[in-house]
Protein backbone atom coordinates (compact mmCIF):
# COMPACT_ATOMS: atom_id res chain seq x y z
CA MET A 1 0.00 0.00 0.00
CA ARG A 2 1.33 3.42 -0.94
CA ARG A 3 1.38 6.31 1.52
CA LEU A 4 0.95 10.03 0.84
CA GLU A 5 3.49 11.60 3.20
CA GLU A 6 2.41 15.22 2.64
CA LYS A 7 0.07 16.62 5.26
CA VAL A 8 -2.52 19.24 4.43
CA SER A 9 -2.18 22.68 5.99
CA VAL A 10 -4.36 23.14 9.07
CA LYS A 11 -5.70 26.68 8.77
CA LYS A 12 -8.54 26.63 11.30
CA ASN A 13 -6.86 26.10 14.63
CA TYR A 14 -9.82 26.80 16.89
CA CYS A 15 -12.73 24.84 18.33
CA PRO A 16 -15.87 24.91 16.13
CA LYS A 17 -18.11 24.76 19.24
CA CYS A 18 -16.62 27.24 21.73
CA ILE A 19 -14.30 29.12 19.33
CA ASN A 20 -11.45 28.53 21.76
CA GLU A 21 -7.99 28.73 20.25
CA GLY A 22 -6.65 26.28 22.84
CA VAL A 23 -6.74 23.24 20.59
CA GLU A 24 -4.43 20.33 20.08
CA ILE A 25 -3.75 19.18 16.52
CA SER A 26 -2.80 15.57 15.94
CA TRP A 27 -2.50 13.34 12.90
CA ARG A 28 -3.60 9.79 12.28
CA LEU A 29 -3.18 7.53 9.31
CA ASP A 30 -6.36 6.73 7.40
CA VAL A 31 -6.94 4.58 4.33
CA LEU A 32 -8.61 5.76 1.13
CA GLU A 33 -10.28 2.89 -0.66
CA ALA A 34 -11.56 3.21 -4.23
CA ASP A 35 -15.25 2.35 -4.65
CA ASP A 36 -14.69 0.72 -8.02
CA GLY A 37 -11.67 -1.34 -6.96
CA LYS A 38 -9.60 0.00 -9.89
CA LEU A 39 -7.17 1.95 -7.71
CA ASP A 40 -4.89 0.71 -4.98
CA GLN A 41 -5.62 1.62 -1.40
CA VAL A 42 -3.69 4.67 -0.23
CA GLU A 43 -2.76 5.72 3.29
CA TYR A 44 -2.90 9.43 4.08
CA TRP A 45 -2.58 11.68 7.12
CA LEU A 46 -5.88 12.87 8.54
CA PRO A 47 -5.76 15.94 10.81
CA GLN A 48 -7.63 15.87 14.11
CA ILE A 49 -8.35 18.96 16.18
CA GLU A 50 -9.31 18.52 19.83
CA CYS A 51 -10.44 21.38 22.06
CA LEU A 52 -8.64 21.43 25.40
CA ASP A 53 -11.62 23.23 27.04
CA CYS A 54 -14.79 21.50 25.85
CA GLY A 55 -13.32 18.29 24.41
CA VAL A 56 -14.93 18.62 20.97
CA SER A 57 -13.01 16.82 18.27
CA ALA A 58 -13.13 17.93 14.65
CA ALA A 59 -11.20 17.62 11.45
CA PHE A 60 -11.83 20.68 9.30
CA GLU A 61 -9.27 19.70 6.71
CA SER A 62 -10.26 16.03 6.45
CA VAL A 63 -11.92 16.65 3.07
CA ASP A 64 -8.72 18.33 1.85
CA ALA A 65 -6.67 15.35 3.05
CA MET A 66 -9.02 12.92 1.26
CA HIS A 67 -8.82 15.01 -1.93
CA ASP A 68 -5.02 14.89 -1.87
CA ALA A 69 -5.09 11.15 -1.20
CA ALA A 70 -7.39 10.66 -4.21
CA CYS A 71 -4.95 12.65 -6.38
CA PHE A 72 -2.08 10.55 -5.08
CA ALA A 73 -3.97 7.28 -5.71
CA GLN A 74 -4.50 8.28 -9.34
CA ASN A 75 -0.91 9.55 -9.79
CA LEU A 76 -2.16 13.11 -10.23
CA VAL A 77 -0.38 16.18 -8.86
CA THR A 78 -1.82 17.38 -5.58
CA PRO A 79 -2.90 21.00 -5.01
CA GLU A 80 0.15 21.61 -2.81
CA GLN A 81 2.48 20.19 -5.46
CA ILE A 82 0.98 22.53 -8.07
CA LYS A 83 1.49 25.54 -5.77
CA ILE A 84 5.06 24.50 -4.94
CA ILE A 85 6.00 24.03 -8.61
CA ARG A 86 4.36 27.32 -9.62
CA LYS A 87 6.01 29.29 -6.79
CA LYS A 88 9.40 27.60 -7.30
CA HIS A 89 9.51 29.24 -10.73
CA GLY A 90 8.27 32.59 -9.36
CA MET A 91 4.90 32.50 -11.10
CA ASN A 92 1.46 33.59 -10.05
CA THR A 93 -1.56 31.63 -11.32
CA LYS A 94 -1.96 33.87 -14.37
CA GLN A 95 1.66 33.40 -15.44
CA PHE A 96 1.46 29.65 -14.83
CA ALA A 97 -1.74 29.50 -16.90
CA GLU A 98 -0.03 31.33 -19.77
CA LEU A 99 2.94 28.96 -19.59
CA THR A 100 0.86 25.78 -19.55
CA GLY A 101 -2.02 26.85 -21.77
CA ILE A 102 -4.38 25.79 -18.97
CA GLY A 103 -7.03 28.27 -17.87
CA GLU A 104 -6.21 30.41 -14.84
CA THR A 105 -9.58 29.57 -13.29
CA THR A 106 -8.88 25.86 -13.74
CA ILE A 107 -5.53 26.17 -11.94
CA LYS A 108 -7.19 28.08 -9.09
CA ARG A 109 -9.84 25.36 -8.83
CA TRP A 110 -7.16 22.67 -8.63
CA GLU A 111 -5.22 24.58 -5.97
CA SER A 112 -8.38 25.11 -3.91
CA ARG A 113 -9.31 21.43 -4.27
CA ALA A 114 -12.54 22.15 -6.14
CA PHE A 115 -11.48 19.93 -9.07
CA TYR A 116 -8.89 17.30 -9.96
CA PRO A 117 -6.30 17.79 -12.71
CA ASN A 118 -6.41 15.23 -15.52
CA LYS A 119 -3.51 12.94 -16.45
CA SER A 120 -2.25 14.99 -19.40
CA ASP A 121 -2.21 18.23 -17.37
CA THR A 122 -0.50 16.34 -14.55
CA ASN A 123 2.18 15.13 -16.98
CA LEU A 124 2.73 18.68 -18.24
CA ILE A 125 3.08 20.00 -14.68
CA LYS A 126 5.49 17.17 -13.82
CA LEU A 127 7.58 18.05 -16.90
CA ILE A 128 7.77 21.65 -15.72
CA ALA A 129 8.72 20.44 -12.23
CA ARG A 130 11.52 18.28 -13.61
CA HIS A 131 12.86 20.47 -16.45
CA GLY A 132 11.63 23.97 -15.67
CA PRO A 133 9.55 26.35 -17.78
CA ASP A 134 12.32 26.78 -20.38
CA LEU A 135 11.37 23.39 -21.82
CA ILE A 136 7.93 24.76 -22.70
CA TYR A 137 9.39 27.95 -24.16
CA GLU A 138 11.83 25.93 -26.29
CA MET A 139 9.05 23.67 -27.52
CA ARG A 140 6.96 26.69 -28.50
CA ALA A 141 9.88 28.25 -30.36
CA ALA A 142 10.49 25.04 -32.30
CA GLU A 143 6.76 24.67 -32.97
CA GLN A 144 6.59 28.11 -34.58
CA LEU A 145 9.08 27.13 -37.26
CA ASP A 146 7.79 25.76 -40.54
CA PHE A 147 10.44 23.25 -41.53
CA GLY A 148 8.53 21.82 -44.48
CA ALA A 149 10.96 19.83 -46.62
CA VAL A 150 14.06 20.84 -44.65
CA PRO A 151 16.23 17.87 -43.64
CA VAL A 152 15.88 16.66 -40.05
CA GLU A 153 19.56 17.47 -39.38
CA VAL A 154 18.94 21.14 -40.21
CA GLU A 155 15.85 21.19 -37.99
CA ARG A 156 17.86 19.75 -35.09
CA GLU A 157 20.66 22.27 -35.61
CA VAL A 158 18.25 25.21 -35.62
CA ASN A 159 16.62 23.90 -32.43
CA LYS A 160 20.06 23.64 -30.78
CA ILE A 161 20.71 27.26 -31.71
CA PHE A 162 17.36 28.30 -30.19
CA THR A 163 18.20 26.46 -26.99
CA GLU A 164 21.60 28.15 -26.69
CA VAL A 165 20.23 31.59 -27.49
CA ARG A 166 17.47 31.22 -24.88
CA LYS A 167 20.00 30.16 -22.24
CA GLN A 168 22.37 33.04 -22.97
CA GLN A 169 19.98 35.84 -23.89
CA PRO A 170 16.26 35.05 -23.63
CA SER A 171 15.31 38.46 -25.03
CA VAL A 172 17.08 37.68 -28.30
CA ILE A 173 14.88 34.67 -29.10
CA ASP A 174 12.52 36.70 -31.32
CA SER A 175 15.30 37.97 -33.58
CA ALA A 176 16.84 34.49 -33.67
CA HIS A 177 13.48 33.13 -34.78
CA GLU A 178 13.39 35.58 -37.70
CA ASN A 179 16.99 34.73 -38.64
CA SER A 180 16.22 31.01 -38.61
CA LYS A 181 13.32 31.55 -41.02
CA GLN A 182 15.74 33.23 -43.42
CA ILE A 183 18.31 30.42 -43.02
CA ILE A 184 15.67 27.77 -43.67
CA ALA A 185 14.44 29.66 -46.75
CA LEU A 186 18.00 29.70 -48.14
CA LEU A 187 18.51 25.98 -47.42
CA GLY A 188 15.12 24.94 -48.77
């Protein structure tokens, strides 16, 4: 059985009955079982809040913990992973949406646990986590070229040039793109 080691953030650290802030937060392992039997069982950390005054026990974030466990069971990125990846590269949700081509509202819904990401979006986010946003920029630059009947070796060489230019001077990529069109026209 796999275990999701990440714990959800506990934001409400007060008693829901007496509104006392003197609460004790503890964690216990729980098991998420798929109804359809298609997914493996997953262990996850369930937060428990106990009031030291009135003894009421609650788990405000239990739904969040179950949501993350369901993501983990399906090999999807969790909301916290999305936030960490986005912030690691210094992006707000709008910038991350522009990078990925995913709607900003969709990303906000994932991060707030209103929806689950699908497998292809998860794979894209994992690529960004592993290789950084430059991979996406490089792919877009290569995609904009019309290689037509140009030999594959020329296409690879032009893509290498784009990669080097982006690493050294990202602002020059637009002029390099124009120059590559001229080179390809001469070679074609």
